[in-house]
Amino acid sequence: MPVAVTTRWLAIARRHPSAWLLAAQLLAVVLYPALDDTAGGRAALGMFGMAVLGLALWVVQRSPLGSWLALLLAIPAVVFSLAGALLERSALVTTAQLLESLLYFYTA
């Protein structure tokens, strides 16, 4: 890709970070039915969810308080998600999803 095109897309992303977050969430909704049937698909969705969490953190990075609150929700969400996947405990996964939903609500 030429540098000018890349610079243009980065400028658009900086001006409208919530649009990118919405697009990522819509992509997750579209991918979910196709990938949820297998363990590998669920792992891929989990990794995609972590990337979306990173995007959500980028969106709320407008103030120091916003960043701290987002991190207080995101870090435990990642820890519970990984622990739930490794230990195969649905309660941990549910807790991670609750924290993720709070983070998305805060971002909105």
PDB file of N, CA and C in Angstrom:
ATOM      1  N   MET A   1       0.835  -1.177   0.000  1.00  0.00           N
ATOM      2  CA  MET A   1       0.000   0.000   0.000  1.00  0.00           C
ATOM      3  C   MET A   1       0.882   1.244   0.000  1.00  0.00           C
ATOM      4  N   PRO A   2       0.560   2.221  -0.792  1.00  0.00           N
ATOM      5  CA  PRO A   2       1.350   3.453  -0.767  1.00  0.00           C
ATOM      6  C   PRO A   2       1.233   4.164   0.583  1.00  0.00           C
ATOM      7  N   VAL A   3       2.239   4.925   0.911  1.00  0.00           N
ATOM      8  CA  VAL A   3       2.289   5.619   2.196  1.00  0.00           C
ATOM      9  C   VAL A   3       1.137   6.602   2.339  1.00  0.00           C
ATOM     10  N   ALA A   4       0.778   7.300   1.277  1.00  0.00           N
ATOM     11  CA  ALA A   4      -0.303   8.289   1.341  1.00  0.00           C
ATOM     12  C   ALA A   4      -1.638   7.633   1.693  1.00  0.00           C
ATOM     13  N   VAL A   5      -1.899   6.462   1.132  1.00  0.00           N
ATOM     14  CA  VAL A   5      -3.146   5.762   1.429  1.00  0.00           C
ATOM     15  C   VAL A   5      -3.159   5.293   2.877  1.00  0.00           C
ATOM     16  N   THR A   6      -2.049   4.762   3.352  1.00  0.00           N
ATOM     17  CA  THR A   6      -1.943   4.314   4.738  1.00  0.00           C
ATOM     18  C   THR A   6      -2.134   5.481   5.698  1.00  0.00           C
ATOM     19  N   THR A   7      -1.506   6.597   5.400  1.00  0.00           N
ATOM     20  CA  THR A   7      -1.633   7.781   6.247  1.00  0.00           C
ATOM     21  C   THR A   7      -3.081   8.259   6.283  1.00  0.00           C
ATOM     22  N   ARG A   8      -3.744   8.208   5.152  1.00  0.00           N
ATOM     23  CA  ARG A   8      -5.151   8.624   5.085  1.00  0.00           C
ATOM     24  C   ARG A   8      -6.032   7.733   5.955  1.00  0.00           C
ATOM     25  N   TRP A   9      -5.833   6.408   5.880  1.00  0.00           N
ATOM     26  CA  TRP A   9      -6.633   5.490   6.689  1.00  0.00           C
ATOM     27  C   TRP A   9      -6.352   5.675   8.180  1.00  0.00           C
ATOM     28  N   LEU A  10      -5.106   5.924   8.540  1.00  0.00           N
ATOM     29  CA  LEU A  10      -4.788   6.169   9.946  1.00  0.00           C
ATOM     30  C   LEU A  10      -5.438   7.450  10.445  1.00  0.00           C
ATOM     31  N   ALA A  11      -5.484   8.481   9.606  1.00  0.00           N
ATOM     32  CA  ALA A  11      -6.143   9.735   9.985  1.00  0.00           C
ATOM     33  C   ALA A  11      -7.639   9.510  10.206  1.00  0.00           C
ATOM     34  N   ILE A  12      -8.257   8.728   9.339  1.00  0.00           N
ATOM     35  CA  ILE A  12      -9.684   8.416   9.494  1.00  0.00           C
ATOM     36  C   ILE A  12      -9.908   7.625  10.775  1.00  0.00           C
ATOM     37  N   ALA A  13      -9.037   6.658  11.045  1.00  0.00           N
ATOM     38  CA  ALA A  13      -9.172   5.839  12.258  1.00  0.00           C
ATOM     39  C   ALA A  13      -9.044   6.684  13.515  1.00  0.00           C
ATOM     40  N   ARG A  14      -8.156   7.667  13.503  1.00  0.00           N
ATOM     41  CA  ARG A  14      -7.993   8.537  14.673  1.00  0.00           C
ATOM     42  C   ARG A  14      -9.213   9.415  14.895  1.00  0.00           C
ATOM     43  N   ARG A  15      -9.858   9.833  13.815  1.00  0.00           N
ATOM     44  CA  ARG A  15     -11.028  10.704  13.949  1.00  0.00           C
ATOM     45  C   ARG A  15     -12.279   9.942  14.368  1.00  0.00           C
ATOM     46  N   HIS A  16     -12.383   8.668  13.991  1.00  0.00           N
ATOM     47  CA  HIS A  16     -13.597   7.887  14.241  1.00  0.00           C
ATOM     48  C   HIS A  16     -13.271   6.524  14.865  1.00  0.00           C
ATOM     49  N   PRO A  17     -12.654   6.491  16.038  1.00  0.00           N
ATOM     50  CA  PRO A  17     -12.280   5.190  16.609  1.00  0.00           C
ATOM     51  C   PRO A  17     -13.487   4.334  16.984  1.00  0.00           C
ATOM     52  N   SER A  18     -14.585   4.951  17.362  1.00  0.00           N
ATOM     53  CA  SER A  18     -15.765   4.165  17.727  1.00  0.00           C
ATOM     54  C   SER A  18     -16.346   3.444  16.521  1.00  0.00           C
ATOM     55  N   ALA A  19     -16.201   4.007  15.344  1.00  0.00           N
ATOM     56  CA  ALA A  19     -16.681   3.341  14.131  1.00  0.00           C
ATOM     57  C   ALA A  19     -15.914   2.043  13.900  1.00  0.00           C
ATOM     58  N   TRP A  20     -14.614   2.067  14.154  1.00  0.00           N
ATOM     59  CA  TRP A  20     -13.807   0.850  14.002  1.00  0.00           C
ATOM     60  C   TRP A  20     -14.214  -0.192  15.041  1.00  0.00           C
ATOM     61  N   LEU A  21     -14.520   0.262  16.253  1.00  0.00           N
ATOM     62  CA  LEU A  21     -14.970  -0.661  17.292  1.00  0.00           C
ATOM     63  C   LEU A  21     -16.299  -1.292  16.906  1.00  0.00           C
ATOM     64  N   LEU A  22     -17.219  -0.498  16.396  1.00  0.00           N
ATOM     65  CA  LEU A  22     -18.502  -1.030  15.952  1.00  0.00           C
ATOM     66  C   LEU A  22     -18.309  -2.039  14.816  1.00  0.00           C
ATOM     67  N   ALA A  23     -17.455  -1.717  13.865  1.00  0.00           N
ATOM     68  CA  ALA A  23     -17.191  -2.636  12.750  1.00  0.00           C
ATOM     69  C   ALA A  23     -16.603  -3.954  13.253  1.00  0.00           C
ATOM     70  N   ALA A  24     -15.701  -3.886  14.205  1.00  0.00           N
ATOM     71  CA  ALA A  24     -15.101  -5.109  14.758  1.00  0.00           C
ATOM     72  C   ALA A  24     -16.153  -5.950  15.480  1.00  0.00           C
ATOM     73  N   GLN A  25     -17.036  -5.305  16.217  1.00  0.00           N
ATOM     74  CA  GLN A  25     -18.083  -6.043  16.924  1.00  0.00           C
ATOM     75  C   GLN A  25     -19.068  -6.674  15.945  1.00  0.00           C
ATOM     76  N   LEU A  26     -19.408  -5.956  14.888  1.00  0.00           N
ATOM     77  CA  LEU A  26     -20.297  -6.530  13.874  1.00  0.00           C
ATOM     78  C   LEU A  26     -19.639  -7.709  13.163  1.00  0.00           C
ATOM     79  N   LEU A  27     -18.340  -7.604  12.913  1.00  0.00           N
ATOM     80  CA  LEU A  27     -17.609  -8.718  12.314  1.00  0.00           C
ATOM     81  C   LEU A  27     -17.638  -9.937  13.241  1.00  0.00           C
ATOM     82  N   ALA A  28     -17.502  -9.714  14.533  1.00  0.00           N
ATOM     83  CA  ALA A  28     -17.566 -10.817  15.494  1.00  0.00           C
ATOM     84  C   ALA A  28     -18.936 -11.488  15.466  1.00  0.00           C
ATOM     85  N   VAL A  29     -19.990 -10.707  15.345  1.00  0.00           N
ATOM     86  CA  VAL A  29     -21.343 -11.265  15.273  1.00  0.00           C
ATOM     87  C   VAL A  29     -21.510 -12.113  14.018  1.00  0.00           C
ATOM     88  N   VAL A  30     -20.932 -11.677  12.913  1.00  0.00           N
ATOM     89  CA  VAL A  30     -21.022 -12.427  11.656  1.00  0.00           C
ATOM     90  C   VAL A  30     -20.194 -13.713  11.727  1.00  0.00           C
ATOM     91  N   LEU A  31     -19.015 -13.640  12.344  1.00  0.00           N
ATOM     92  CA  LEU A  31     -18.135 -14.806  12.416  1.00  0.00           C
ATOM     93  C   LEU A  31     -18.587 -15.839  13.442  1.00  0.00           C
ATOM     94  N   TYR A  32     -19.306 -15.418  14.454  1.00  0.00           N
ATOM     95  CA  TYR A  32     -19.668 -16.308  15.564  1.00  0.00           C
ATOM     96  C   TYR A  32     -20.358 -17.600  15.119  1.00  0.00           C
ATOM     97  N   PRO A  33     -21.395 -17.544  14.279  1.00  0.00           N
ATOM     98  CA  PRO A  33     -22.055 -18.805  13.899  1.00  0.00           C
ATOM     99  C   PRO A  33     -21.131 -19.766  13.149  1.00  0.00           C
ATOM    100  N   ALA A  34     -20.207 -19.236  12.388  1.00  0.00           N
ATOM    101  CA  ALA A  34     -19.328 -20.088  11.592  1.00  0.00           C
ATOM    102  C   ALA A  34     -18.209 -20.708  12.428  1.00  0.00           C
ATOM    103  N   LEU A  35     -17.805 -20.049  13.501  1.00  0.00           N
ATOM    104  CA  LEU A  35     -16.633 -20.506  14.247  1.00  0.00           C
ATOM    105  C   LEU A  35     -16.939 -21.127  15.602  1.00  0.00           C
ATOM    106  N   ASP A  36     -18.164 -21.064  16.069  1.00  0.00           N
ATOM    107  CA  ASP A  36     -18.461 -21.512  17.428  1.00  0.00           C
ATOM    108  C   ASP A  36     -18.571 -23.024  17.566  1.00  0.00           C
ATOM    109  N   ASP A  37     -18.608 -23.763  16.469  1.00  0.00           N
ATOM    110  CA  ASP A  37     -18.823 -25.207  16.540  1.00  0.00           C
ATOM    111  C   ASP A  37     -17.592 -26.008  16.946  1.00  0.00           C
ATOM    112  N   THR A  38     -16.405 -25.450  16.781  1.00  0.00           N
ATOM    113  CA  THR A  38     -15.186 -26.194  17.073  1.00  0.00           C
ATOM    114  C   THR A  38     -14.378 -25.489  18.165  1.00  0.00           C
ATOM    115  N   ALA A  39     -13.507 -26.243  18.816  1.00  0.00           N
ATOM    116  CA  ALA A  39     -12.651 -25.651  19.846  1.00  0.00           C
ATOM    117  C   ALA A  39     -11.703 -24.618  19.239  1.00  0.00           C
ATOM    118  N   GLY A  40     -11.171 -24.917  18.055  1.00  0.00           N
ATOM    119  CA  GLY A  40     -10.288 -23.964  17.378  1.00  0.00           C
ATOM    120  C   GLY A  40     -11.019 -22.686  17.004  1.00  0.00           C
ATOM    121  N   GLY A  41     -12.265 -22.820  16.577  1.00  0.00           N
ATOM    122  CA  GLY A  41     -13.069 -21.648  16.235  1.00  0.00           C
ATOM    123  C   GLY A  41     -13.360 -20.796  17.446  1.00  0.00           C
ATOM    124  N   ARG A  42     -13.670 -21.451  18.569  1.00  0.00           N
ATOM    125  CA  ARG A  42     -13.913 -20.701  19.812  1.00  0.00           C
ATOM    126  C   ARG A  42     -12.643 -20.003  20.276  1.00  0.00           C
ATOM    127  N   ALA A  43     -11.505 -20.663  20.099  1.00  0.00           N
ATOM    128  CA  ALA A  43     -10.233 -20.020  20.462  1.00  0.00           C
ATOM    129  C   ALA A  43      -9.972 -18.810  19.577  1.00  0.00           C
ATOM    130  N   ALA A  44     -10.265 -18.948  18.273  1.00  0.00           N
ATOM    131  CA  ALA A  44     -10.083 -17.816  17.347  1.00  0.00           C
ATOM    132  C   ALA A  44     -11.006 -16.666  17.731  1.00  0.00           C
ATOM    133  N   LEU A  45     -12.252 -16.981  18.092  1.00  0.00           N
ATOM    134  CA  LEU A  45     -13.170 -15.934  18.532  1.00  0.00           C
ATOM    135  C   LEU A  45     -12.681 -15.274  19.817  1.00  0.00           C
ATOM    136  N   GLY A  46     -12.109 -16.060  20.712  1.00  0.00           N
ATOM    137  CA  GLY A  46     -11.557 -15.503  21.950  1.00  0.00           C
ATOM    138  C   GLY A  46     -10.415 -14.546  21.670  1.00  0.00           C
ATOM    139  N   MET A  47      -9.531 -14.931  20.756  1.00  0.00           N
ATOM    140  CA  MET A  47      -8.411 -14.057  20.398  1.00  0.00           C
ATOM    141  C   MET A  47      -8.919 -12.794  19.708  1.00  0.00           C
ATOM    142  N   PHE A  48      -9.939 -12.940  18.863  1.00  0.00           N
ATOM    143  CA  PHE A  48     -10.530 -11.776  18.216  1.00  0.00           C
ATOM    144  C   PHE A  48     -11.154 -10.860  19.270  1.00  0.00           C
ATOM    145  N   GLY A  49     -11.794 -11.458  20.277  1.00  0.00           N
ATOM    146  CA  GLY A  49     -12.375 -10.669  21.364  1.00  0.00           C
ATOM    147  C   GLY A  49     -11.321  -9.885  22.126  1.00  0.00           C
ATOM    148  N   MET A  50     -10.154 -10.479  22.319  1.00  0.00           N
ATOM    149  CA  MET A  50      -9.061  -9.766  22.997  1.00  0.00           C
ATOM    150  C   MET A  50      -8.573  -8.590  22.148  1.00  0.00           C
ATOM    151  N   ALA A  51      -8.540  -8.790  20.842  1.00  0.00           N
ATOM    152  CA  ALA A  51      -8.145  -7.685  19.958  1.00  0.00           C
ATOM    153  C   ALA A  51      -9.181  -6.561  20.013  1.00  0.00           C
ATOM    154  N   VAL A  52     -10.448  -6.932  20.090  1.00  0.00           N
ATOM    155  CA  VAL A  52     -11.504  -5.920  20.198  1.00  0.00           C
ATOM    156  C   VAL A  52     -11.400  -5.195  21.536  1.00  0.00           C
ATOM    157  N   LEU A  53     -11.023  -5.914  22.581  1.00  0.00           N
ATOM    158  CA  LEU A  53     -10.799  -5.248  23.881  1.00  0.00           C
ATOM    159  C   LEU A  53      -9.686  -4.208  23.764  1.00  0.00           C
ATOM    160  N   GLY A  54      -8.622  -4.563  23.059  1.00  0.00           N
ATOM    161  CA  GLY A  54      -7.545  -3.596  22.834  1.00  0.00           C
ATOM    162  C   GLY A  54      -8.046  -2.379  22.080  1.00  0.00           C
ATOM    163  N   LEU A  55      -8.911  -2.620  21.098  1.00  0.00           N
ATOM    164  CA  LEU A  55      -9.498  -1.518  20.342  1.00  0.00           C
ATOM    165  C   LEU A  55     -10.374  -0.659  21.248  1.00  0.00           C
ATOM    166  N   ALA A  56     -11.122  -1.294  22.137  1.00  0.00           N
ATOM    167  CA  ALA A  56     -11.956  -0.538  23.079  1.00  0.00           C
ATOM    168  C   ALA A  56     -11.097   0.322  23.996  1.00  0.00           C
ATOM    169  N   LEU A  57      -9.977  -0.221  24.439  1.00  0.00           N
ATOM    170  CA  LEU A  57      -9.062   0.575  25.269  1.00  0.00           C
ATOM    171  C   LEU A  57      -8.537   1.777  24.500  1.00  0.00           C
ATOM    172  N   TRP A  58      -8.263   1.590  23.216  1.00  0.00           N
ATOM    173  CA  TRP A  58      -7.786   2.698  22.391  1.00  0.00           C
ATOM    174  C   TRP A  58      -8.866   3.779  22.270  1.00  0.00           C
ATOM    175  N   VAL A  59     -10.122   3.352  22.173  1.00  0.00           N
ATOM    176  CA  VAL A  59     -11.226   4.295  22.025  1.00  0.00           C
ATOM    177  C   VAL A  59     -11.369   5.174  23.267  1.00  0.00           C
ATOM    178  N   VAL A  60     -11.207   4.602  24.461  1.00  0.00           N
ATOM    179  CA  VAL A  60     -11.417   5.379  25.690  1.00  0.00           C
ATOM    180  C   VAL A  60     -10.134   6.040  26.186  1.00  0.00           C
ATOM    181  N   GLN A  61      -9.122   6.058  25.406  1.00  0.00           N
ATOM    182  CA  GLN A  61      -7.833   6.593  25.817  1.00  0.00           C
ATOM    183  C   GLN A  61      -7.815   8.129  25.810  1.00  0.00           C
ATOM    184  N   ARG A  62      -8.918   8.754  25.884  1.00  0.00           N
ATOM    185  CA  ARG A  62      -8.995  10.202  25.801  1.00  0.00           C
ATOM    186  C   ARG A  62      -8.633  10.891  27.112  1.00  0.00           C
ATOM    187  N   SER A  63      -8.746  10.195  28.217  1.00  0.00           N
ATOM    188  CA  SER A  63      -8.397  10.805  29.504  1.00  0.00           C
ATOM    189  C   SER A  63      -7.720   9.757  30.385  1.00  0.00           C
ATOM    190  N   PRO A  64      -6.885  10.198  31.332  1.00  0.00           N
ATOM    191  CA  PRO A  64      -6.222   9.228  32.221  1.00  0.00           C
ATOM    192  C   PRO A  64      -7.216   8.414  33.043  1.00  0.00           C
ATOM    193  N   LEU A  65      -8.275   9.051  33.547  1.00  0.00           N
ATOM    194  CA  LEU A  65      -9.269   8.315  34.325  1.00  0.00           C
ATOM    195  C   LEU A  65      -9.956   7.268  33.463  1.00  0.00           C
ATOM    196  N   GLY A  66     -10.286   7.645  32.235  1.00  0.00           N
ATOM    197  CA  GLY A  66     -10.921   6.699  31.322  1.00  0.00           C
ATOM    198  C   GLY A  66     -10.043   5.493  31.047  1.00  0.00           C
ATOM    199  N   SER A  67      -8.761   5.735  30.890  1.00  0.00           N
ATOM    200  CA  SER A  67      -7.833   4.632  30.643  1.00  0.00           C
ATOM    201  C   SER A  67      -7.728   3.715  31.851  1.00  0.00           C
ATOM    202  N   TRP A  68      -7.664   4.283  33.042  1.00  0.00           N
ATOM    203  CA  TRP A  68      -7.564   3.451  34.253  1.00  0.00           C
ATOM    204  C   TRP A  68      -8.813   2.611  34.456  1.00  0.00           C
ATOM    205  N   LEU A  69      -9.972   3.221  34.281  1.00  0.00           N
ATOM    206  CA  LEU A  69     -11.208   2.469  34.449  1.00  0.00           C
ATOM    207  C   LEU A  69     -11.311   1.347  33.412  1.00  0.00           C
ATOM    208  N   ALA A  70     -10.941   1.648  32.192  1.00  0.00           N
ATOM    209  CA  ALA A  70     -10.969   0.635  31.136  1.00  0.00           C
ATOM    210  C   ALA A  70     -10.005  -0.509  31.449  1.00  0.00           C
ATOM    211  N   LEU A  71      -8.816  -0.170  31.928  1.00  0.00           N
ATOM    212  CA  LEU A  71      -7.853  -1.218  32.293  1.00  0.00           C
ATOM    213  C   LEU A  71      -8.347  -2.054  33.464  1.00  0.00           C
ATOM    214  N   LEU A  72      -9.034  -1.420  34.420  1.00  0.00           N
ATOM    215  CA  LEU A  72      -9.579  -2.166  35.563  1.00  0.00           C
ATOM    216  C   LEU A  72     -10.646  -3.168  35.127  1.00  0.00           C
ATOM    217  N   LEU A  73     -11.273  -2.927  34.008  1.00  0.00           N
ATOM    218  CA  LEU A  73     -12.231  -3.886  33.458  1.00  0.00           C
ATOM    219  C   LEU A  73     -11.571  -4.868  32.499  1.00  0.00           C
ATOM    220  N   ALA A  74     -10.627  -4.391  31.701  1.00  0.00           N
ATOM    221  CA  ALA A  74     -10.033  -5.226  30.648  1.00  0.00           C
ATOM    222  C   ALA A  74      -9.080  -6.283  31.187  1.00  0.00           C
ATOM    223  N   ILE A  75      -8.222  -5.911  32.109  1.00  0.00           N
ATOM    224  CA  ILE A  75      -7.226  -6.880  32.603  1.00  0.00           C
ATOM    225  C   ILE A  75      -7.893  -8.079  33.267  1.00  0.00           C
ATOM    226  N   PRO A  76      -8.837  -7.878  34.194  1.00  0.00           N
ATOM    227  CA  PRO A  76      -9.504  -9.067  34.752  1.00  0.00           C
ATOM    228  C   PRO A  76     -10.294  -9.848  33.694  1.00  0.00           C
ATOM    229  N   ALA A  77     -10.846  -9.162  32.702  1.00  0.00           N
ATOM    230  CA  ALA A  77     -11.577  -9.873  31.645  1.00  0.00           C
ATOM    231  C   ALA A  77     -10.653 -10.828  30.901  1.00  0.00           C
ATOM    232  N   VAL A  78      -9.449 -10.371  30.601  1.00  0.00           N
ATOM    233  CA  VAL A  78      -8.477 -11.222  29.915  1.00  0.00           C
ATOM    234  C   VAL A  78      -8.069 -12.390  30.810  1.00  0.00           C
ATOM    235  N   VAL A  79      -7.795 -12.109  32.072  1.00  0.00           N
ATOM    236  CA  VAL A  79      -7.364 -13.157  33.007  1.00  0.00           C
ATOM    237  C   VAL A  79      -8.465 -14.208  33.175  1.00  0.00           C
ATOM    238  N   PHE A  80      -9.700 -13.769  33.396  1.00  0.00           N
ATOM    239  CA  PHE A  80     -10.800 -14.725  33.561  1.00  0.00           C
ATOM    240  C   PHE A  80     -11.059 -15.507  32.272  1.00  0.00           C
ATOM    241  N   SER A  81     -10.918 -14.850  31.138  1.00  0.00           N
ATOM    242  CA  SER A  81     -11.133 -15.535  29.867  1.00  0.00           C
ATOM    243  C   SER A  81     -10.095 -16.624  29.647  1.00  0.00           C
ATOM    244  N   LEU A  82      -8.839 -16.300  29.881  1.00  0.00           N
ATOM    245  CA  LEU A  82      -7.781 -17.303  29.731  1.00  0.00           C
ATOM    246  C   LEU A  82      -7.934 -18.432  30.742  1.00  0.00           C
ATOM    247  N   ALA A  83      -8.224 -18.080  31.992  1.00  0.00           N
ATOM    248  CA  ALA A  83      -8.397 -19.105  33.027  1.00  0.00           C
ATOM    249  C   ALA A  83      -9.585 -19.999  32.706  1.00  0.00           C
ATOM    250  N   GLY A  84     -10.668 -19.408  32.241  1.00  0.00           N
ATOM    251  CA  GLY A  84     -11.844 -20.206  31.889  1.00  0.00           C
ATOM    252  C   GLY A  84     -11.574 -21.156  30.740  1.00  0.00           C
ATOM    253  N   ALA A  85     -10.791 -20.699  29.761  1.00  0.00           N
ATOM    254  CA  ALA A  85     -10.466 -21.564  28.627  1.00  0.00           C
ATOM    255  C   ALA A  85      -9.513 -22.678  29.034  1.00  0.00           C
ATOM    256  N   LEU A  86      -8.519 -22.344  29.850  1.00  0.00           N
ATOM    257  CA  LEU A  86      -7.534 -23.350  30.256  1.00  0.00           C
ATOM    258  C   LEU A  86      -8.108 -24.361  31.243  1.00  0.00           C
ATOM    259  N   LEU A  87      -8.926 -23.883  32.172  1.00  0.00           N
ATOM    260  CA  LEU A  87      -9.493 -24.763  33.203  1.00  0.00           C
ATOM    261  C   LEU A  87     -10.842 -25.335  32.820  1.00  0.00           C
ATOM    262  N   GLU A  88     -11.371 -24.898  31.668  1.00  0.00           N
ATOM    263  CA  GLU A  88     -12.677 -25.329  31.179  1.00  0.00           C
ATOM    264  C   GLU A  88     -13.775 -25.122  32.215  1.00  0.00           C
ATOM    265  N   ARG A  89     -13.792 -23.918  32.774  1.00  0.00           N
ATOM    266  CA  ARG A  89     -14.807 -23.541  33.762  1.00  0.00           C
ATOM    267  C   ARG A  89     -15.714 -22.478  33.161  1.00  0.00           C
ATOM    268  N   SER A  90     -16.970 -22.811  33.006  1.00  0.00           N
ATOM    269  CA  SER A  90     -17.904 -21.874  32.379  1.00  0.00           C
ATOM    270  C   SER A  90     -18.151 -20.647  33.253  1.00  0.00           C
ATOM    271  N   ALA A  91     -18.049 -20.785  34.569  1.00  0.00           N
ATOM    272  CA  ALA A  91     -18.261 -19.635  35.454  1.00  0.00           C
ATOM    273  C   ALA A  91     -17.193 -18.560  35.230  1.00  0.00           C
ATOM    274  N   LEU A  92     -15.963 -18.978  34.978  1.00  0.00           N
ATOM    275  CA  LEU A  92     -14.894 -18.011  34.712  1.00  0.00           C
ATOM    276  C   LEU A  92     -15.109 -17.316  33.369  1.00  0.00           C
ATOM    277  N   VAL A  93     -15.554 -18.078  32.385  1.00  0.00           N
ATOM    278  CA  VAL A  93     -15.825 -17.496  31.070  1.00  0.00           C
ATOM    279  C   VAL A  93     -16.988 -16.509  31.167  1.00  0.00           C
ATOM    280  N   THR A  94     -18.004 -16.863  31.928  1.00  0.00           N
ATOM    281  CA  THR A  94     -19.150 -15.963  32.121  1.00  0.00           C
ATOM    282  C   THR A  94     -18.718 -14.673  32.797  1.00  0.00           C
ATOM    283  N   THR A  95     -17.860 -14.777  33.796  1.00  0.00           N
ATOM    284  CA  THR A  95     -17.342 -13.589  34.474  1.00  0.00           C
ATOM    285  C   THR A  95     -16.551 -12.720  33.503  1.00  0.00           C
ATOM    286  N   ALA A  96     -15.740 -13.345  32.671  1.00  0.00           N
ATOM    287  CA  ALA A  96     -14.973 -12.595  31.665  1.00  0.00           C
ATOM    288  C   ALA A  96     -15.912 -11.875  30.707  1.00  0.00           C
ATOM    289  N   GLN A  97     -16.961 -12.548  30.276  1.00  0.00           N
ATOM    290  CA  GLN A  97     -17.899 -11.921  29.351  1.00  0.00           C
ATOM    291  C   GLN A  97     -18.664 -10.785  30.011  1.00  0.00           C
ATOM    292  N   LEU A  98     -18.964 -10.918  31.281  1.00  0.00           N
ATOM    293  CA  LEU A  98     -19.617  -9.824  32.013  1.00  0.00           C
ATOM    294  C   LEU A  98     -18.708  -8.597  32.072  1.00  0.00           C
ATOM    295  N   LEU A  99     -17.434  -8.825  32.389  1.00  0.00           N
ATOM    296  CA  LEU A  99     -16.486  -7.713  32.426  1.00  0.00           C
ATOM    297  C   LEU A  99     -16.299  -7.086  31.047  1.00  0.00           C
ATOM    298  N   GLU A 100     -16.246  -7.918  30.008  1.00  0.00           N
ATOM    299  CA  GLU A 100     -16.131  -7.394  28.646  1.00  0.00           C
ATOM    300  C   GLU A 100     -17.346  -6.552  28.294  1.00  0.00           C
ATOM    301  N   SER A 101     -18.540  -7.020  28.662  1.00  0.00           N
ATOM    302  CA  SER A 101     -19.742  -6.248  28.340  1.00  0.00           C
ATOM    303  C   SER A 101     -19.758  -4.922  29.085  1.00  0.00           C
ATOM    304  N   LEU A 102     -19.284  -4.907  30.326  1.00  0.00           N
ATOM    305  CA  LEU A 102     -19.168  -3.640  31.058  1.00  0.00           C
ATOM    306  C   LEU A 102     -18.186  -2.695  30.368  1.00  0.00           C
ATOM    307  N   LEU A 103     -17.107  -3.245  29.881  1.00  0.00           N
ATOM    308  CA  LEU A 103     -16.123  -2.421  29.172  1.00  0.00           C
ATOM    309  C   LEU A 103     -16.731  -1.853  27.880  1.00  0.00           C
ATOM    310  N   TYR A 104     -17.451  -2.690  27.137  1.00  0.00           N
ATOM    311  CA  TYR A 104     -18.085  -2.196  25.914  1.00  0.00           C
ATOM    312  C   TYR A 104     -19.128  -1.127  26.233  1.00  0.00           C
ATOM    313  N   PHE A 105     -19.896  -1.330  27.308  1.00  0.00           N
ATOM    314  CA  PHE A 105     -20.893  -0.337  27.717  1.00  0.00           C
ATOM    315  C   PHE A 105     -20.189   0.972  28.095  1.00  0.00           C
ATOM    316  N   TYR A 106     -19.115   0.867  28.841  1.00  0.00           N
ATOM    317  CA  TYR A 106     -18.360   2.063  29.218  1.00  0.00           C
ATOM    318  C   TYR A 106     -17.793   2.776  27.982  1.00  0.00           C
ATOM    319  N   THR A 107     -17.324   2.007  27.037  1.00  0.00           N
ATOM    320  CA  THR A 107     -16.778   2.578  25.811  1.00  0.00           C
ATOM    321  C   THR A 107     -17.856   3.324  25.023  1.00  0.00           C
ATOM    322  N   ALA A 108     -19.048   2.717  24.980  1.00  0.00           N
ATOM    323  CA  ALA A 108     -20.145   3.365  24.248  1.00  0.00           C
ATOM    324  C   ALA A 108     -20.517   4.657  24.920  1.00  0.00           C
TER     325      ALA A 108
END
